[in-house]
Amino acid sequence: MIRGDEIRQAVRDHYAGRSAAGCCGGTDCCGERAEEDLEGFIGPQLGCGSPLAHAALQSGETVVDLGSGAGGDVLRAAQGVGPTGRAIGVDMTPEMVWKARENARRLGVPQAEFRLGEIEHLPLPDASADVVISNCVINLLPDKSAAFREAFRALRPGGRLVVSDMVTRGPLPHSIRIDPAAWAACIAGAVDLDDYLAMIRAAGFERVETVTSTPGAPGQVFSATVRAIKPHSRRREAPSYPPR
């Protein structure tokens, strides 16, 4: 069985030299998408969906992108939250963080910032974000549940999680699961959609729903966009005492 550190190194090596964000490049599972407002500055963005289309961003909010790559979704989010908001990208690849910071500088987007870190251990304080997004990244993680728990921790009560990712219907062959190159290509790490949704619920999220998906036959990977809410803290009831 392939170890988690081997997967992480294969993914880091795969994306360190890439000029675009996200995964699935060179495969038919995702395809490329070019952002009209950013094209020419950061080039085509690789992903498997558009989580921002379902995030309902509001002016002044703080948005966090898990696995931000070259920064395309962060820069778009910065436009959505305006000058009083914040858009924060977290990525484990130093080359991508450097490129994203350079893209933000060239575009003149001061409310966009990029931090080096693993999304299973977010460099963010508790309850500091209104929205957490991710685009075709969580499938790359050996421990996906850790990423969902961290997203839950970083969100404020009532905050939204919107992720686009590669999933499956049923298990993939063992030979695929142990192939580091297949992990880096967003295939081997994909899990069954029902299991994916269950992990999000187990992290504490409510109103978990699939908002879009592409067709997928059993044993194949396909893309899905999922939205969920961090519930508001329940008010603790005052203790009741028996009458004297």
Protein backbone atom coordinates (compact mmCIF):
# COMPACT_ATOMS: atom_id res chain seq x y z
CA MET A 1 0.00 0.00 0.00
CA ILE A 2 1.35 3.43 -0.89
CA ARG A 3 2.21 5.62 2.11
CA GLY A 4 0.80 9.07 2.73
CA ASP A 5 4.21 10.74 2.56
CA GLU A 6 4.85 9.13 -0.84
CA ILE A 7 1.55 10.50 -2.14
CA ARG A 8 2.29 13.97 -0.80
CA GLN A 9 5.75 14.03 -2.37
CA ALA A 10 4.44 12.80 -5.73
CA VAL A 11 1.80 15.54 -5.75
CA ARG A 12 4.29 18.24 -4.69
CA ASP A 13 6.78 17.22 -7.38
CA HIS A 14 4.03 17.09 -10.01
CA TYR A 15 2.77 20.62 -9.39
CA ALA A 16 6.01 22.40 -8.46
CA GLY A 17 6.87 22.98 -12.11
CA ARG A 18 3.39 23.70 -13.43
CA SER A 19 2.32 27.14 -14.61
CA ALA A 20 -1.36 26.71 -13.80
CA ALA A 21 -3.39 25.82 -10.73
CA GLY A 22 -5.29 22.68 -9.92
CA CYS A 23 -5.01 19.16 -11.23
CA CYS A 24 -6.29 16.99 -14.05
CA GLY A 25 -4.07 18.56 -16.67
CA GLY A 26 -3.66 16.24 -19.61
CA THR A 27 -6.64 14.08 -18.67
CA ASP A 28 -10.21 14.03 -19.90
CA CYS A 29 -11.78 14.10 -16.43
CA CYS A 30 -11.70 17.85 -15.90
CA GLY A 31 -10.50 19.91 -18.80
CA GLU A 32 -9.15 23.44 -18.73
CA ARG A 33 -11.09 26.57 -17.94
CA ALA A 34 -9.91 30.07 -18.74
CA GLU A 35 -11.13 32.99 -16.63
CA GLU A 36 -11.97 35.86 -18.95
CA ASP A 37 -11.05 38.57 -16.45
CA LEU A 38 -7.72 36.96 -15.54
CA GLU A 39 -6.71 35.40 -18.86
CA GLY A 40 -3.45 36.84 -20.07
CA PHE A 41 -2.21 37.36 -16.53
CA ILE A 42 -2.15 33.89 -15.03
CA GLY A 43 -3.05 31.74 -18.04
CA PRO A 44 -5.51 28.84 -18.16
CA GLN A 45 -6.67 27.44 -14.84
CA LEU A 46 -7.02 23.73 -14.34
CA GLY A 47 -9.91 22.56 -12.24
CA CYS A 48 -12.98 20.39 -12.17
CA GLY A 49 -15.68 22.92 -11.38
CA SER A 50 -16.51 26.47 -10.33
CA PRO A 51 -17.01 26.55 -6.57
CA LEU A 52 -17.25 30.34 -6.54
CA ALA A 53 -20.37 30.14 -8.71
CA HIS A 54 -22.15 28.53 -5.74
CA ALA A 55 -20.49 30.44 -2.88
CA ALA A 56 -22.72 33.57 -2.94
CA LEU A 57 -19.89 35.85 -1.89
CA GLN A 58 -20.75 39.07 -0.10
CA SER A 59 -18.80 42.31 0.18
CA GLY A 60 -16.47 42.32 3.17
CA GLU A 61 -16.32 38.54 3.64
CA THR A 62 -13.19 36.46 4.14
CA VAL A 63 -12.73 33.59 1.68
CA VAL A 64 -10.14 30.80 1.99
CA ASP A 65 -9.09 28.61 -0.95
CA LEU A 66 -7.66 25.20 -0.07
CA GLY A 67 -4.92 24.34 -2.55
CA SER A 68 -4.86 27.70 -4.29
CA GLY A 69 -2.14 26.99 -6.86
CA ALA A 70 -1.37 30.02 -9.04
CA GLY A 71 -4.20 31.94 -7.40
CA GLY A 72 -6.93 32.16 -10.03
CA ASP A 73 -9.86 31.40 -7.71
CA VAL A 74 -8.41 33.58 -4.95
CA LEU A 75 -8.14 36.55 -7.30
CA ARG A 76 -11.69 36.01 -8.50
CA ALA A 77 -12.85 35.73 -4.89
CA ALA A 78 -11.08 38.99 -4.07
CA GLN A 79 -13.16 40.66 -6.76
CA GLY A 80 -16.29 39.18 -5.23
CA VAL A 81 -15.66 40.36 -1.66
CA GLY A 82 -14.40 43.77 -2.71
CA PRO A 83 -11.77 46.01 -1.09
CA THR A 84 -13.16 45.50 2.42
CA GLY A 85 -12.95 41.71 2.18
CA ARG A 86 -10.08 39.24 2.18
CA ALA A 87 -9.21 36.29 -0.05
CA ILE A 88 -6.61 33.87 1.30
CA GLY A 89 -5.01 31.02 -0.59
CA VAL A 90 -3.21 28.12 1.08
CA ASP A 91 -0.92 25.82 -0.90
CA MET A 92 1.83 23.38 0.07
CA THR A 93 4.03 24.11 -2.97
CA PRO A 94 6.45 27.05 -2.54
CA GLU A 95 6.68 27.58 -6.30
CA MET A 96 2.91 27.98 -6.56
CA VAL A 97 2.73 30.36 -3.59
CA TRP A 98 5.44 32.52 -5.13
CA LYS A 99 3.66 32.58 -8.50
CA ALA A 100 0.31 33.41 -6.90
CA ARG A 101 1.80 36.31 -4.95
CA GLU A 102 3.37 37.61 -8.14
CA ASN A 103 0.03 37.36 -9.96
CA ALA A 104 -1.72 39.30 -7.19
CA ARG A 105 0.99 41.97 -7.31
CA ARG A 106 0.76 42.34 -11.10
CA LEU A 107 -3.02 42.59 -10.96
CA GLY A 108 -2.96 45.01 -8.06
CA VAL A 109 -5.17 43.00 -5.68
CA PRO A 110 -4.02 43.89 -2.15
CA GLN A 111 -6.84 41.97 -0.44
CA ALA A 112 -5.51 38.69 -1.87
CA GLU A 113 -2.85 36.88 0.13
CA PHE A 114 -1.19 33.49 -0.13
CA ARG A 115 0.20 31.30 2.62
CA LEU A 116 2.44 28.25 2.46
CA GLY A 117 0.96 25.32 4.33
CA GLU A 118 -0.82 22.00 4.21
CA ILE A 119 -4.58 22.15 4.12
CA GLU A 120 -4.78 19.35 6.68
CA HIS A 121 -3.10 21.86 9.05
CA LEU A 122 -4.37 25.27 7.97
CA PRO A 123 -2.28 28.31 8.98
CA LEU A 124 -5.46 30.09 10.10
CA PRO A 125 -7.06 30.85 13.46
CA ASP A 126 -10.35 29.36 14.55
CA ALA A 127 -13.56 30.91 13.17
CA SER A 128 -11.71 33.33 10.90
CA ALA A 129 -13.40 32.68 7.51
CA ASP A 130 -16.87 33.15 6.10
CA VAL A 131 -16.36 30.87 3.09
CA VAL A 132 -13.98 27.98 2.37
CA ILE A 133 -13.61 26.82 -1.23
CA SER A 134 -11.48 24.25 -3.02
CA ASN A 135 -11.18 23.22 -6.65
CA CYS A 136 -9.99 19.72 -7.53
CA VAL A 137 -7.52 19.45 -4.66
CA ILE A 138 -8.97 17.48 -1.74
CA ASN A 139 -8.92 14.27 -3.81
CA LEU A 140 -5.12 14.58 -3.78
CA LEU A 141 -4.97 14.16 0.00
CA PRO A 142 -4.34 10.82 1.72
CA ASP A 143 -6.43 12.08 4.69
CA LYS A 144 -9.40 13.97 3.29
CA SER A 145 -11.27 13.98 6.59
CA ALA A 146 -8.51 16.10 8.13
CA ALA A 147 -9.04 18.78 5.49
CA PHE A 148 -12.78 18.90 6.16
CA ARG A 149 -12.19 19.12 9.91
CA GLU A 150 -9.77 21.99 9.38
CA ALA A 151 -12.22 23.79 7.10
CA PHE A 152 -14.88 23.40 9.78
CA ARG A 153 -12.52 24.80 12.43
CA ALA A 154 -11.54 27.81 10.31
CA LEU A 155 -15.12 28.74 9.42
CA ARG A 156 -17.27 31.01 11.50
CA PRO A 157 -20.66 29.65 12.60
CA GLY A 158 -22.97 29.90 9.61
CA GLY A 159 -20.02 29.82 7.21
CA ARG A 160 -20.14 28.01 3.86
CA LEU A 161 -18.02 25.22 2.42
CA VAL A 162 -18.09 24.88 -1.38
CA VAL A 163 -15.77 22.35 -3.01
CA SER A 164 -15.44 21.00 -6.54
CA ASP A 165 -13.63 17.70 -6.70
CA MET A 166 -13.14 14.37 -8.43
CA VAL A 167 -15.18 11.49 -7.03
CA THR A 168 -16.25 8.00 -8.10
CA ARG A 169 -19.19 5.65 -8.11
CA GLY A 170 -17.81 2.57 -6.44
CA PRO A 171 -14.18 1.61 -5.79
CA LEU A 172 -11.27 2.00 -8.18
CA PRO A 173 -8.89 -0.88 -8.97
CA HIS A 174 -6.11 -1.48 -6.46
CA SER A 175 -3.50 -1.02 -9.19
CA ILE A 176 -4.72 2.56 -9.64
CA ARG A 177 -4.87 3.28 -5.92
CA ILE A 178 -1.18 2.47 -5.43
CA ASP A 179 0.10 4.43 -8.44
CA PRO A 180 1.70 7.78 -7.35
CA ALA A 181 1.27 9.22 -10.86
CA ALA A 182 -2.45 8.40 -10.76
CA TRP A 183 -2.71 10.23 -7.43
CA ALA A 184 -1.08 13.34 -8.91
CA ALA A 185 -3.43 13.13 -11.90
CA CYS A 186 -6.53 13.39 -9.64
CA ILE A 187 -7.61 9.81 -10.27
CA ALA A 188 -6.31 7.45 -7.59
CA GLY A 189 -7.36 9.65 -4.67
CA ALA A 190 -10.98 9.98 -5.76
CA VAL A 191 -13.46 8.31 -3.41
CA ASP A 192 -17.09 7.31 -3.77
CA LEU A 193 -19.38 10.35 -3.74
CA ASP A 194 -21.46 9.00 -0.87
CA ASP A 195 -18.30 8.48 1.19
CA TYR A 196 -17.14 11.99 0.30
CA LEU A 197 -20.40 13.50 1.55
CA ALA A 198 -20.23 11.36 4.68
CA MET A 199 -16.77 12.74 5.52
CA ILE A 200 -18.10 16.28 5.26
CA ARG A 201 -21.00 15.48 7.58
CA ALA A 202 -18.66 13.72 10.02
CA ALA A 203 -16.60 16.92 10.26
CA GLY A 204 -19.70 18.67 11.64
CA PHE A 205 -21.23 20.27 8.56
CA GLU A 206 -24.96 20.38 7.90
CA ARG A 207 -27.12 20.87 4.79
CA VAL A 208 -24.56 18.92 2.75
CA GLU A 209 -25.69 18.78 -0.88
CA THR A 210 -24.33 18.07 -4.34
CA VAL A 211 -25.12 21.13 -6.44
CA THR A 212 -23.61 19.99 -9.76
CA SER A 213 -21.97 16.86 -11.16
CA THR A 214 -20.87 15.40 -14.46
CA PRO A 215 -21.99 11.93 -15.60
CA GLY A 216 -20.02 9.08 -14.08
CA ALA A 217 -20.31 5.34 -14.63
CA PRO A 218 -19.37 2.81 -11.93
CA GLY A 219 -15.61 2.54 -11.59
CA GLN A 220 -14.95 5.90 -13.28
CA VAL A 221 -14.00 9.29 -11.85
CA PHE A 222 -16.21 12.32 -12.42
CA SER A 223 -16.49 15.84 -11.05
CA ALA A 224 -18.95 17.09 -8.47
CA THR A 225 -19.47 20.36 -6.61
CA VAL A 226 -20.65 20.08 -3.02
CA ARG A 227 -21.94 22.77 -0.69
CA ALA A 228 -22.37 22.62 3.09
CA ILE A 229 -22.92 24.90 6.08
CA LYS A 230 -21.24 25.12 9.49
CA PRO A 231 -24.12 25.29 11.94
CA HIS A 232 -24.50 28.13 14.40
CA SER A 233 -23.47 27.28 17.94
CA ARG A 234 -26.37 26.05 19.92
CA ARG A 235 -27.20 28.11 22.94
CA ARG A 236 -26.41 26.25 26.12
CA GLU A 237 -29.50 25.93 28.27
CA ALA A 238 -29.35 27.02 31.90
CA PRO A 239 -29.28 24.09 34.28
CA SER A 240 -32.55 23.28 35.97
CA TYR A 241 -32.71 22.49 39.64
CA PRO A 242 -35.43 20.59 41.44
CA PRO A 243 -37.64 22.72 43.69
CA ARG A 244 -36.73 22.78 47.36
